[in-house]
N, C-alpha and C. Protein backbone atom coordinates (compact mmCIF):
# COMPACT_ATOMS: atom_id res chain seq x y z
N MET A 1 54.53 -273.29 -3.47
CA MET A 1 55.58 -272.29 -3.52
C MET A 1 54.94 -270.91 -3.72
N TYR A 2 55.43 -269.95 -2.98
CA TYR A 2 54.98 -268.57 -3.14
C TYR A 2 55.69 -267.95 -4.33
N GLU A 3 54.97 -267.07 -5.02
CA GLU A 3 55.51 -266.39 -6.20
C GLU A 3 56.24 -265.11 -5.79
N SER A 4 57.01 -264.56 -6.70
CA SER A 4 57.71 -263.30 -6.46
C SER A 4 56.75 -262.13 -6.50
N GLY A 5 57.18 -261.03 -5.92
CA GLY A 5 56.37 -259.82 -5.99
C GLY A 5 56.14 -259.36 -7.42
N ALA A 6 57.13 -259.54 -8.28
CA ALA A 6 56.98 -259.16 -9.70
C ALA A 6 55.88 -259.98 -10.36
N PHE A 7 55.78 -261.26 -10.03
CA PHE A 7 54.72 -262.11 -10.58
C PHE A 7 53.35 -261.62 -10.08
N VAL A 8 53.26 -261.36 -8.77
CA VAL A 8 52.00 -260.89 -8.19
C VAL A 8 51.57 -259.57 -8.83
N ALA A 9 52.53 -258.69 -9.09
CA ALA A 9 52.23 -257.38 -9.68
C ALA A 9 51.53 -257.49 -11.03
N ASP A 10 51.78 -258.56 -11.76
CA ASP A 10 51.12 -258.78 -13.05
C ASP A 10 49.63 -259.06 -12.90
N HIS A 11 49.16 -259.27 -11.65
CA HIS A 11 47.76 -259.62 -11.39
C HIS A 11 47.06 -258.60 -10.51
N VAL A 12 47.67 -257.42 -10.41
CA VAL A 12 47.12 -256.31 -9.61
C VAL A 12 47.10 -255.07 -10.48
N ASP A 13 45.97 -254.33 -10.43
CA ASP A 13 45.84 -253.12 -11.26
C ASP A 13 45.00 -252.08 -10.52
N PRO A 14 45.47 -250.86 -10.41
CA PRO A 14 46.80 -250.38 -10.78
C PRO A 14 47.82 -250.79 -9.72
N VAL A 15 49.08 -250.72 -10.09
CA VAL A 15 50.16 -251.01 -9.15
C VAL A 15 51.34 -250.09 -9.48
N THR A 16 51.97 -249.58 -8.42
CA THR A 16 53.15 -248.74 -8.59
C THR A 16 54.38 -249.54 -8.19
N GLU A 17 55.54 -249.04 -8.57
CA GLU A 17 56.79 -249.70 -8.21
C GLU A 17 56.95 -249.79 -6.70
N ALA A 18 56.48 -248.77 -5.95
CA ALA A 18 56.60 -248.76 -4.49
C ALA A 18 55.78 -249.87 -3.84
N GLN A 19 54.73 -250.34 -4.50
CA GLN A 19 53.89 -251.39 -3.93
C GLN A 19 54.48 -252.78 -4.09
N VAL A 20 55.39 -252.96 -5.04
CA VAL A 20 55.95 -254.28 -5.32
C VAL A 20 57.03 -254.60 -4.29
N GLN A 21 56.82 -255.68 -3.55
CA GLN A 21 57.75 -256.14 -2.52
C GLN A 21 58.41 -257.43 -3.00
N PRO A 22 59.42 -257.92 -2.32
CA PRO A 22 60.07 -259.15 -2.77
C PRO A 22 59.11 -260.34 -2.92
N ASN A 23 58.13 -260.45 -2.02
CA ASN A 23 57.26 -261.61 -2.02
C ASN A 23 55.79 -261.32 -2.27
N GLY A 24 55.45 -260.11 -2.64
CA GLY A 24 54.05 -259.79 -2.87
C GLY A 24 53.88 -258.35 -3.29
N VAL A 25 52.63 -257.90 -3.25
CA VAL A 25 52.29 -256.53 -3.64
C VAL A 25 51.43 -255.91 -2.54
N ASP A 26 51.77 -254.70 -2.15
CA ASP A 26 50.99 -253.98 -1.15
C ASP A 26 49.68 -253.48 -1.75
N LEU A 27 48.60 -253.65 -1.00
CA LEU A 27 47.31 -253.08 -1.39
C LEU A 27 47.06 -251.83 -0.55
N THR A 28 46.30 -250.90 -1.11
CA THR A 28 46.09 -249.61 -0.48
C THR A 28 44.63 -249.39 -0.11
N VAL A 29 44.42 -248.42 0.78
CA VAL A 29 43.09 -248.06 1.26
C VAL A 29 42.35 -247.25 0.20
N GLU A 30 41.15 -247.69 -0.16
CA GLU A 30 40.27 -246.88 -0.99
C GLU A 30 39.17 -246.26 -0.13
N ALA A 31 38.55 -247.08 0.72
CA ALA A 31 37.44 -246.60 1.54
C ALA A 31 37.39 -247.39 2.84
N VAL A 32 36.74 -246.79 3.84
CA VAL A 32 36.50 -247.44 5.12
C VAL A 32 35.00 -247.34 5.38
N LEU A 33 34.40 -248.46 5.78
CA LEU A 33 32.97 -248.53 6.04
C LEU A 33 32.72 -249.00 7.47
N GLU A 34 31.56 -248.62 8.01
CA GLU A 34 31.09 -249.14 9.29
C GLU A 34 29.79 -249.89 9.04
N GLN A 35 29.71 -251.11 9.55
CA GLN A 35 28.47 -251.87 9.42
C GLN A 35 27.48 -251.35 10.44
N ARG A 36 26.25 -251.03 9.98
CA ARG A 36 25.23 -250.41 10.84
C ARG A 36 24.09 -251.35 11.20
N GLU A 37 23.89 -252.40 10.41
CA GLU A 37 22.79 -253.33 10.66
C GLU A 37 23.33 -254.75 10.59
N PRO A 38 22.63 -255.68 11.26
CA PRO A 38 23.10 -257.06 11.25
C PRO A 38 23.01 -257.70 9.87
N GLY A 39 23.92 -258.61 9.64
CA GLY A 39 23.88 -259.43 8.44
C GLY A 39 23.40 -260.82 8.84
N ARG A 40 23.35 -261.72 7.86
CA ARG A 40 22.93 -263.10 8.16
C ARG A 40 23.66 -264.04 7.21
N ILE A 41 24.21 -265.10 7.78
CA ILE A 41 24.83 -266.15 6.99
C ILE A 41 24.08 -267.43 7.30
N GLY A 42 23.38 -267.96 6.29
CA GLY A 42 22.58 -269.16 6.47
C GLY A 42 23.02 -270.26 5.54
N THR A 43 22.31 -271.36 5.58
CA THR A 43 22.64 -272.49 4.71
C THR A 43 22.17 -272.26 3.29
N GLU A 44 21.24 -271.34 3.08
CA GLU A 44 20.69 -271.07 1.75
C GLU A 44 21.12 -269.72 1.19
N GLY A 45 22.07 -269.07 1.82
CA GLY A 45 22.52 -267.78 1.30
C GLY A 45 22.99 -266.86 2.41
N LYS A 46 23.23 -265.62 2.02
CA LYS A 46 23.77 -264.65 2.97
C LYS A 46 23.17 -263.28 2.69
N THR A 47 23.19 -262.45 3.72
CA THR A 47 22.78 -261.05 3.61
C THR A 47 23.84 -260.22 4.30
N ILE A 48 24.33 -259.22 3.62
CA ILE A 48 25.31 -258.30 4.21
C ILE A 48 24.53 -257.13 4.80
N GLY A 49 24.77 -256.87 6.08
CA GLY A 49 24.09 -255.76 6.74
C GLY A 49 24.47 -254.42 6.13
N ASP A 50 23.60 -253.43 6.31
CA ASP A 50 23.85 -252.09 5.78
C ASP A 50 25.17 -251.55 6.30
N ARG A 51 25.94 -250.98 5.40
CA ARG A 51 27.24 -250.40 5.73
C ARG A 51 27.29 -248.97 5.25
N GLN A 52 27.86 -248.11 6.07
CA GLN A 52 27.95 -246.69 5.76
C GLN A 52 29.41 -246.27 5.65
N PRO A 53 29.74 -245.42 4.66
CA PRO A 53 31.13 -244.95 4.54
C PRO A 53 31.53 -244.08 5.72
N VAL A 54 32.78 -244.22 6.14
CA VAL A 54 33.40 -243.31 7.09
C VAL A 54 33.93 -242.15 6.26
N GLU A 55 33.51 -240.95 6.58
CA GLU A 55 33.94 -239.79 5.82
C GLU A 55 35.34 -239.37 6.23
N PRO A 56 36.24 -239.19 5.27
CA PRO A 56 37.60 -238.77 5.61
C PRO A 56 37.66 -237.28 5.92
N ASP A 57 38.64 -236.92 6.74
CA ASP A 57 38.96 -235.52 7.02
C ASP A 57 39.89 -235.05 5.91
N THR A 58 39.66 -233.86 5.38
CA THR A 58 40.50 -233.34 4.30
C THR A 58 41.20 -232.05 4.71
N GLY A 59 41.30 -231.82 6.03
CA GLY A 59 41.86 -230.57 6.54
C GLY A 59 43.27 -230.26 6.11
N ASP A 60 44.13 -231.26 5.97
CA ASP A 60 45.52 -231.01 5.61
C ASP A 60 45.79 -231.28 4.13
N GLY A 61 44.74 -231.43 3.35
CA GLY A 61 44.89 -231.70 1.92
C GLY A 61 44.85 -233.17 1.58
N ALA A 62 45.14 -234.04 2.55
CA ALA A 62 45.06 -235.49 2.34
C ALA A 62 43.72 -235.99 2.90
N GLU A 63 43.21 -237.05 2.31
CA GLU A 63 41.98 -237.66 2.82
C GLU A 63 42.37 -238.68 3.88
N THR A 64 42.04 -238.36 5.14
CA THR A 64 42.46 -239.18 6.27
C THR A 64 41.24 -239.67 7.04
N PHE A 65 41.20 -240.99 7.27
CA PHE A 65 40.15 -241.60 8.07
C PHE A 65 40.64 -241.66 9.51
N SER A 66 39.93 -240.97 10.43
CA SER A 66 40.25 -241.01 11.85
C SER A 66 39.36 -242.06 12.49
N LEU A 67 39.98 -243.15 12.96
CA LEU A 67 39.21 -244.30 13.43
C LEU A 67 39.38 -244.52 14.92
N SER A 68 38.26 -244.66 15.61
CA SER A 68 38.24 -245.02 17.02
C SER A 68 38.26 -246.54 17.13
N PRO A 69 38.54 -247.07 18.32
CA PRO A 69 38.52 -248.53 18.47
C PRO A 69 37.18 -249.12 18.01
N GLY A 70 37.29 -250.24 17.31
CA GLY A 70 36.10 -250.93 16.80
C GLY A 70 36.45 -251.70 15.54
N GLY A 71 35.41 -252.22 14.90
CA GLY A 71 35.58 -252.98 13.67
C GLY A 71 35.11 -252.18 12.47
N TYR A 72 35.87 -252.25 11.38
CA TYR A 72 35.58 -251.51 10.15
C TYR A 72 35.81 -252.42 8.95
N ILE A 73 35.10 -252.14 7.87
CA ILE A 73 35.35 -252.81 6.61
C ILE A 73 36.30 -251.92 5.83
N LEU A 74 37.43 -252.48 5.45
CA LEU A 74 38.43 -251.74 4.70
C LEU A 74 38.36 -252.22 3.25
N GLN A 75 38.12 -251.31 2.33
CA GLN A 75 38.06 -251.65 0.91
C GLN A 75 39.36 -251.25 0.24
N TYR A 76 39.88 -252.17 -0.58
CA TYR A 76 41.15 -251.94 -1.27
C TYR A 76 40.92 -251.22 -2.59
N ALA A 77 41.91 -250.46 -3.03
CA ALA A 77 41.80 -249.66 -4.25
C ALA A 77 42.11 -250.46 -5.51
N GLU A 78 42.82 -251.56 -5.37
CA GLU A 78 43.31 -252.30 -6.53
C GLU A 78 42.37 -253.43 -6.93
N THR A 79 42.32 -253.69 -8.22
CA THR A 79 41.60 -254.85 -8.74
C THR A 79 42.58 -256.02 -8.78
N ILE A 80 42.15 -257.13 -8.24
CA ILE A 80 42.98 -258.33 -8.14
C ILE A 80 42.42 -259.37 -9.10
N ALA A 81 43.30 -260.10 -9.77
CA ALA A 81 42.89 -261.22 -10.63
C ALA A 81 43.76 -262.42 -10.24
N ILE A 82 43.20 -263.32 -9.45
CA ILE A 82 43.96 -264.49 -9.00
C ILE A 82 44.06 -265.48 -10.16
N PRO A 83 45.28 -265.84 -10.57
CA PRO A 83 45.44 -266.78 -11.68
C PRO A 83 44.79 -268.13 -11.36
N GLU A 84 44.38 -268.84 -12.40
CA GLU A 84 43.66 -270.09 -12.23
C GLU A 84 44.46 -271.18 -11.52
N ASP A 85 45.77 -271.11 -11.53
CA ASP A 85 46.58 -272.14 -10.88
C ASP A 85 47.22 -271.65 -9.58
N HIS A 86 46.58 -270.66 -8.94
CA HIS A 86 47.11 -270.06 -7.71
C HIS A 86 46.01 -269.83 -6.69
N VAL A 87 46.42 -269.53 -5.48
CA VAL A 87 45.54 -269.09 -4.41
C VAL A 87 46.18 -267.84 -3.81
N GLY A 88 45.34 -266.89 -3.41
CA GLY A 88 45.86 -265.64 -2.84
C GLY A 88 45.63 -265.56 -1.34
N PHE A 89 46.62 -265.01 -0.65
CA PHE A 89 46.52 -264.74 0.77
C PHE A 89 46.88 -263.27 0.99
N LEU A 90 46.18 -262.63 1.89
CA LEU A 90 46.43 -261.22 2.18
C LEU A 90 46.80 -261.09 3.65
N TYR A 91 47.90 -260.42 3.90
CA TYR A 91 48.40 -260.24 5.26
C TYR A 91 48.50 -258.76 5.58
N PRO A 92 48.29 -258.38 6.86
CA PRO A 92 48.45 -256.96 7.23
C PRO A 92 49.92 -256.56 7.14
N ARG A 93 50.16 -255.32 6.77
CA ARG A 93 51.53 -254.78 6.85
C ARG A 93 51.86 -254.57 8.33
N SER A 94 53.10 -254.67 8.67
CA SER A 94 53.51 -254.57 10.07
C SER A 94 53.17 -253.20 10.66
N SER A 95 53.08 -252.17 9.83
CA SER A 95 52.72 -250.84 10.34
C SER A 95 51.35 -250.84 11.00
N LEU A 96 50.41 -251.62 10.46
CA LEU A 96 49.10 -251.74 11.11
C LEU A 96 49.26 -252.38 12.48
N LEU A 97 49.97 -253.49 12.53
CA LEU A 97 50.15 -254.21 13.79
C LEU A 97 50.83 -253.34 14.84
N ARG A 98 51.81 -252.57 14.40
CA ARG A 98 52.56 -251.71 15.33
C ARG A 98 51.71 -250.54 15.84
N ASN A 99 50.56 -250.32 15.19
CA ASN A 99 49.64 -249.28 15.62
C ASN A 99 48.36 -249.86 16.20
N SER A 100 48.46 -251.08 16.75
CA SER A 100 47.36 -251.74 17.46
C SER A 100 46.16 -252.02 16.56
N CYS A 101 46.42 -252.36 15.30
CA CYS A 101 45.36 -252.71 14.37
C CYS A 101 45.63 -254.10 13.80
N MET A 102 44.56 -254.80 13.42
CA MET A 102 44.67 -256.11 12.80
C MET A 102 43.74 -256.15 11.60
N LEU A 103 44.18 -256.78 10.54
CA LEU A 103 43.39 -256.92 9.32
C LEU A 103 43.09 -258.40 9.12
N ASN A 104 41.82 -258.75 9.14
CA ASN A 104 41.40 -260.12 8.93
C ASN A 104 40.89 -260.27 7.50
N THR A 105 41.31 -261.33 6.85
CA THR A 105 40.92 -261.57 5.47
C THR A 105 40.60 -263.05 5.27
N ALA A 106 40.08 -263.37 4.11
CA ALA A 106 39.77 -264.75 3.75
C ALA A 106 40.65 -265.17 2.58
N VAL A 107 40.62 -266.44 2.26
CA VAL A 107 41.36 -266.97 1.11
C VAL A 107 40.79 -266.36 -0.16
N TRP A 108 41.66 -266.02 -1.10
CA TRP A 108 41.24 -265.53 -2.40
C TRP A 108 41.43 -266.67 -3.38
N ASP A 109 40.32 -267.27 -3.79
CA ASP A 109 40.35 -268.47 -4.62
C ASP A 109 40.83 -268.22 -6.05
N ALA A 110 41.36 -269.27 -6.65
CA ALA A 110 41.76 -269.25 -8.05
C ALA A 110 40.59 -268.75 -8.90
N GLY A 111 40.88 -267.84 -9.82
CA GLY A 111 39.86 -267.32 -10.72
C GLY A 111 39.11 -266.10 -10.21
N TYR A 112 39.28 -265.73 -8.92
CA TYR A 112 38.60 -264.54 -8.39
C TYR A 112 39.14 -263.30 -9.07
N THR A 113 38.24 -262.40 -9.43
CA THR A 113 38.60 -261.08 -9.91
C THR A 113 37.73 -260.06 -9.21
N GLY A 114 38.32 -259.01 -8.68
CA GLY A 114 37.55 -257.97 -8.03
C GLY A 114 38.41 -257.10 -7.14
N LYS A 115 37.74 -256.15 -6.49
CA LYS A 115 38.38 -255.29 -5.50
C LYS A 115 37.88 -255.77 -4.15
N GLY A 116 38.70 -256.47 -3.45
CA GLY A 116 38.28 -257.10 -2.20
C GLY A 116 38.20 -256.14 -1.03
N GLU A 117 37.88 -256.73 0.10
CA GLU A 117 37.80 -255.97 1.34
C GLU A 117 38.16 -256.89 2.51
N GLY A 118 38.49 -256.28 3.63
CA GLY A 118 38.84 -257.03 4.82
C GLY A 118 38.27 -256.37 6.05
N LEU A 119 38.36 -257.07 7.17
CA LEU A 119 37.88 -256.57 8.44
C LEU A 119 39.05 -255.94 9.19
N LEU A 120 38.98 -254.65 9.40
CA LEU A 120 40.01 -253.92 10.13
C LEU A 120 39.58 -253.80 11.58
N GLN A 121 40.37 -254.38 12.48
CA GLN A 121 40.13 -254.25 13.91
C GLN A 121 41.06 -253.18 14.46
N VAL A 122 40.46 -252.14 15.03
CA VAL A 122 41.23 -251.03 15.57
C VAL A 122 41.16 -251.12 17.09
N HIS A 123 42.32 -251.25 17.73
CA HIS A 123 42.37 -251.39 19.19
C HIS A 123 42.80 -250.10 19.88
N HIS A 124 43.28 -249.14 19.13
CA HIS A 124 43.64 -247.82 19.65
C HIS A 124 43.42 -246.83 18.51
N GLU A 125 43.05 -245.60 18.82
CA GLU A 125 42.80 -244.62 17.76
C GLU A 125 43.93 -244.64 16.74
N VAL A 126 43.54 -244.49 15.47
CA VAL A 126 44.52 -244.50 14.40
C VAL A 126 43.99 -243.65 13.25
N GLU A 127 44.88 -243.10 12.46
CA GLU A 127 44.52 -242.38 11.25
C GLU A 127 45.07 -243.14 10.06
N LEU A 128 44.22 -243.36 9.07
CA LEU A 128 44.63 -244.02 7.83
C LEU A 128 44.36 -243.07 6.68
N GLU A 129 45.37 -242.81 5.90
CA GLU A 129 45.22 -241.94 4.74
C GLU A 129 44.77 -242.76 3.54
N ARG A 130 43.83 -242.22 2.78
CA ARG A 130 43.43 -242.89 1.53
C ARG A 130 44.68 -243.07 0.68
N GLY A 131 44.89 -244.27 0.17
CA GLY A 131 46.06 -244.58 -0.63
C GLY A 131 47.21 -245.17 0.16
N ALA A 132 47.09 -245.21 1.49
CA ALA A 132 48.15 -245.80 2.31
C ALA A 132 48.21 -247.31 2.08
N ARG A 133 49.43 -247.84 2.10
CA ARG A 133 49.64 -249.28 1.94
C ARG A 133 49.36 -249.97 3.28
N VAL A 134 48.41 -250.91 3.29
CA VAL A 134 47.98 -251.53 4.55
C VAL A 134 48.07 -253.04 4.55
N ALA A 135 48.18 -253.67 3.40
CA ALA A 135 48.18 -255.13 3.33
C ALA A 135 49.10 -255.59 2.21
N GLN A 136 49.51 -256.86 2.28
CA GLN A 136 50.34 -257.41 1.22
C GLN A 136 49.70 -258.69 0.69
N LEU A 137 49.47 -258.71 -0.62
CA LEU A 137 48.92 -259.87 -1.31
C LEU A 137 50.07 -260.77 -1.74
N VAL A 138 49.97 -262.06 -1.42
CA VAL A 138 50.91 -263.05 -1.90
C VAL A 138 50.13 -264.13 -2.64
N LEU A 139 50.78 -264.74 -3.61
CA LEU A 139 50.17 -265.81 -4.40
C LEU A 139 51.00 -267.08 -4.25
N ALA A 140 50.31 -268.20 -4.13
CA ALA A 140 50.97 -269.50 -4.03
C ALA A 140 50.38 -270.43 -5.09
N ASP A 141 51.23 -271.33 -5.60
CA ASP A 141 50.75 -272.37 -6.52
C ASP A 141 49.68 -273.18 -5.80
N ALA A 142 48.65 -273.58 -6.53
CA ALA A 142 47.58 -274.37 -5.93
C ALA A 142 46.98 -275.32 -6.95
N GLU A 143 46.73 -276.53 -6.50
CA GLU A 143 46.00 -277.49 -7.31
C GLU A 143 44.54 -277.44 -6.87
N HIS A 144 43.64 -277.52 -7.82
CA HIS A 144 42.21 -277.45 -7.49
C HIS A 144 41.40 -278.05 -8.61
N ALA A 145 40.14 -278.31 -8.32
CA ALA A 145 39.25 -278.91 -9.32
C ALA A 145 38.45 -277.87 -10.08
N ASP A 146 38.34 -276.66 -9.54
CA ASP A 146 37.49 -275.64 -10.15
C ASP A 146 38.04 -274.26 -9.81
N THR A 147 37.41 -273.21 -10.36
CA THR A 147 37.80 -271.84 -10.04
C THR A 147 36.61 -271.12 -9.43
N TYR A 148 36.88 -269.97 -8.84
CA TYR A 148 35.87 -269.21 -8.12
C TYR A 148 34.77 -268.72 -9.05
N GLY A 149 33.55 -268.90 -8.64
CA GLY A 149 32.40 -268.41 -9.39
C GLY A 149 31.31 -267.90 -8.47
N GLY A 150 31.69 -267.49 -7.27
CA GLY A 150 30.72 -267.06 -6.26
C GLY A 150 30.19 -265.66 -6.46
N SER A 151 29.37 -265.25 -5.51
CA SER A 151 28.66 -263.97 -5.61
C SER A 151 29.56 -262.74 -5.53
N TYR A 152 30.80 -262.89 -5.10
CA TYR A 152 31.70 -261.75 -5.01
C TYR A 152 32.57 -261.59 -6.25
N GLN A 153 32.37 -262.47 -7.22
CA GLN A 153 33.14 -262.35 -8.47
C GLN A 153 32.87 -261.00 -9.12
N GLY A 154 33.91 -260.26 -9.42
CA GLY A 154 33.77 -258.94 -10.06
C GLY A 154 33.34 -257.84 -9.12
N GLU A 155 33.45 -258.04 -7.79
CA GLU A 155 32.97 -257.03 -6.84
C GLU A 155 33.68 -255.69 -7.01
N ARG A 156 32.90 -254.63 -7.01
CA ARG A 156 33.34 -253.25 -7.09
C ARG A 156 34.20 -252.95 -8.30
N VAL A 157 34.09 -253.73 -9.36
CA VAL A 157 34.82 -253.48 -10.60
C VAL A 157 33.82 -252.87 -11.57
N GLU A 158 34.09 -251.65 -12.00
CA GLU A 158 33.16 -250.96 -12.90
C GLU A 158 33.35 -251.40 -14.32
């Protein structure tokens, strides 16, 4: 069973009232990165290729990322704490889809805490403002034998 947006909001920080939806919580853009070097995923570990920040334009007072078609790493501004008896799923907001963009994400395991990221596929030029709501986190009840303890635990949490 999926939880209510109010329940999800208790596991997201910071969160505003505008981010809380009936069935989840909207996550916002903190940064956009471009991968510049190859990574490697092997049987004995992984290497993330070098990634460089996309610099936002600040001409109108807002920080806006102007993105050409391609793939980008989108980093979320909120810290997520997936409860031990749940699993998290992140879906793109329809505004991204309606602007020829897709957000790919992975399962967020029980016990994960951190500021996640996803793969933003841009199929037509688009502008994303820092702080814009781009994805919705939902939580579902889950049975499991263990909780997350991988290398991304606590990512980007100061």
